[in-house]
Amino acid sequence: MKTSSPKPAETKWILVDAEGQNLGRLSTEIATILRGKNKATFSPHQLCGDHVVVINAEKLHFHPTKHRRKIWVKHTGYIGHMKTWSLQNMIDNRPTDMITLAVKGMLPRNRLTNQMMKRLHVFAGPEHTHTAQQPELLTLSK
């Protein structure tokens, strides 16, 4: 008996509106779509996910105390090179990086991670540059 391997299917473009959504719940849905686990032809060693376009990244919903508790930390390994960003700083200066970092942390660490992240397109406002691809709107419960 031969082992069958599914052929990579044609990719779709999916539009997600992040307005009023929780960051963690939104990120898990996006990571599932990028990985392709929502398809019947999922294979963990192939790139079978879809492109995801996220709009209104600056309008995410957070608990009121989260603004002073949530901190992102990056350390280069050298003494004194630790950088920190608060949630309010990320909302004001880099709203797209919040979703990007959350989704990247939910993907597996393997060779396909960078290719999956290239299929994630995050925009701070309601306008995006991928209208020619005609993305399908994905409705998430709030």
Protein backbone atom coordinates (compact mmCIF):
# COMPACT_ATOMS: atom_id res chain seq x y z
CA MET A 1 0.00 0.00 0.00
CA LYS A 2 1.36 3.41 -0.97
CA THR A 3 1.37 6.33 1.42
CA SER A 4 -0.61 9.23 0.06
CA SER A 5 0.35 12.84 0.58
CA PRO A 6 -2.18 15.56 -0.20
CA LYS A 7 -1.32 18.11 -2.84
CA PRO A 8 -1.14 21.71 -1.64
CA ALA A 9 -4.51 23.27 -2.40
CA GLU A 10 -5.09 26.69 -3.89
CA THR A 11 -4.82 29.44 -1.30
CA LYS A 12 -7.62 31.82 -0.46
CA TRP A 13 -7.48 35.32 0.96
CA ILE A 14 -9.40 35.91 4.19
CA LEU A 15 -10.25 39.32 5.66
CA VAL A 16 -10.52 39.63 9.45
CA ASP A 17 -11.81 42.75 11.21
CA ALA A 18 -10.07 43.09 14.59
CA GLU A 19 -12.31 45.86 15.94
CA GLY A 20 -13.57 44.96 19.42
CA GLN A 21 -11.84 41.55 19.41
CA ASN A 22 -9.71 40.04 22.16
CA LEU A 23 -6.03 39.72 21.14
CA GLY A 24 -5.55 36.12 22.24
CA ARG A 25 -8.75 34.72 20.78
CA LEU A 26 -8.18 36.57 17.51
CA SER A 27 -4.58 35.33 17.29
CA THR A 28 -5.56 31.68 17.73
CA GLU A 29 -8.06 31.90 14.89
CA ILE A 30 -5.49 33.56 12.63
CA ALA A 31 -2.79 31.00 13.52
CA THR A 32 -5.19 28.15 12.73
CA ILE A 33 -5.97 29.61 9.30
CA LEU A 34 -2.30 30.33 8.51
CA ARG A 35 -1.32 26.79 9.42
CA GLY A 36 -4.21 25.28 7.44
CA LYS A 37 -5.68 23.23 10.27
CA ASN A 38 -9.18 24.33 9.27
CA LYS A 39 -8.91 22.38 6.00
CA ALA A 40 -9.52 18.70 5.39
CA THR A 41 -6.24 18.44 3.46
CA PHE A 42 -4.07 19.58 6.40
CA SER A 43 -0.59 18.16 6.46
CA PRO A 44 1.89 19.31 9.13
CA HIS A 45 4.91 19.20 6.81
CA GLN A 46 3.36 21.24 3.98
CA LEU A 47 2.40 24.88 3.62
CA CYS A 48 -1.36 24.57 3.15
CA GLY A 49 -2.75 27.64 4.92
CA ASP A 50 -4.43 30.71 3.49
CA HIS A 51 -3.49 34.39 3.36
CA VAL A 52 -4.97 36.47 6.18
CA VAL A 53 -5.56 40.23 5.97
CA VAL A 54 -6.26 41.87 9.34
CA ILE A 55 -7.71 45.38 9.48
CA ASN A 56 -8.39 47.74 12.41
CA ALA A 57 -5.49 46.39 14.47
CA GLU A 58 -5.47 49.53 16.61
CA LYS A 59 -9.07 48.95 17.77
CA LEU A 60 -8.54 45.73 19.73
CA HIS A 61 -10.39 45.32 23.02
CA PHE A 62 -8.40 44.99 26.24
CA HIS A 63 -9.33 44.70 29.89
CA PRO A 64 -8.84 48.08 31.64
CA THR A 65 -6.05 46.79 33.90
CA LYS A 66 -4.21 45.20 30.98
CA HIS A 67 -2.87 48.61 29.88
CA ARG A 68 -0.56 48.81 32.88
CA ARG A 69 0.22 45.08 33.27
CA LYS A 70 1.06 43.88 29.76
CA ILE A 71 4.73 44.33 28.78
CA TRP A 72 6.70 42.94 25.83
CA VAL A 73 10.38 42.25 26.59
CA LYS A 74 13.26 41.73 24.18
CA HIS A 75 16.83 40.97 25.26
CA THR A 76 19.78 40.72 22.89
CA GLY A 77 21.99 38.83 25.32
CA TYR A 78 24.32 41.75 25.99
CA ILE A 79 24.40 43.55 29.32
CA GLY A 80 22.02 46.50 29.40
CA HIS A 81 20.36 45.64 26.09
CA MET A 82 16.93 44.75 27.40
CA LYS A 83 14.10 46.62 25.69
CA THR A 84 10.54 46.76 26.99
CA TRP A 85 7.32 48.00 25.44
CA SER A 86 4.10 48.57 27.33
CA LEU A 87 0.68 47.88 25.87
CA GLN A 88 -0.13 51.58 25.59
CA ASN A 89 3.16 52.19 23.76
CA MET A 90 2.38 49.38 21.30
CA ILE A 91 -1.14 50.71 20.67
CA ASP A 92 0.17 54.23 20.02
CA ASN A 93 3.30 53.44 17.99
CA ARG A 94 3.15 49.89 16.60
CA PRO A 95 -0.41 48.48 16.60
CA THR A 96 0.34 45.94 13.87
CA ASP A 97 3.18 44.36 15.85
CA MET A 98 0.80 43.29 18.64
CA ILE A 99 -1.02 40.89 16.35
CA THR A 100 2.13 39.83 14.53
CA LEU A 101 3.96 38.88 17.74
CA ALA A 102 0.92 37.11 19.18
CA VAL A 103 0.36 35.02 16.05
CA LYS A 104 4.05 34.19 15.66
CA GLY A 105 4.12 32.88 19.22
CA MET A 106 1.23 30.52 18.43
CA LEU A 107 2.81 28.96 15.34
CA PRO A 108 5.17 25.97 15.57
CA ARG A 109 8.90 26.62 15.47
CA ASN A 110 9.91 24.89 12.24
CA ARG A 111 10.94 25.61 8.66
CA LEU A 112 7.47 26.70 7.62
CA THR A 113 7.08 29.44 10.24
CA ASN A 114 8.60 32.23 8.15
CA GLN A 115 6.56 31.22 5.10
CA MET A 116 3.37 31.22 7.17
CA MET A 117 4.18 34.66 8.61
CA LYS A 118 4.62 36.05 5.08
CA ARG A 119 0.96 35.21 4.50
CA LEU A 120 -0.13 37.45 7.39
CA HIS A 121 -0.91 41.04 6.40
CA VAL A 122 -1.84 43.39 9.27
CA PHE A 123 -3.11 46.96 8.85
CA ALA A 124 -3.75 49.48 11.62
CA GLY A 125 -6.75 51.15 9.99
CA PRO A 126 -9.77 50.01 7.98
CA GLU A 127 -8.02 50.37 4.60
CA HIS A 128 -5.82 47.63 3.11
CA THR A 129 -3.89 47.19 -0.12
CA HIS A 130 -5.16 43.70 -1.03
CA THR A 131 -8.53 44.53 -2.58
CA ALA A 132 -7.44 43.01 -5.91
CA GLN A 133 -7.25 39.57 -4.26
CA GLN A 134 -10.92 39.86 -3.19
CA PRO A 135 -10.55 38.51 0.35
CA GLU A 136 -13.52 36.77 1.96
CA LEU A 137 -14.76 38.32 5.20
CA LEU A 138 -14.44 36.03 8.22
CA THR A 139 -16.87 36.86 11.03
CA LEU A 140 -15.71 36.06 14.54
CA SER A 141 -17.90 36.08 17.62
CA LYS A 142 -17.15 38.84 20.12
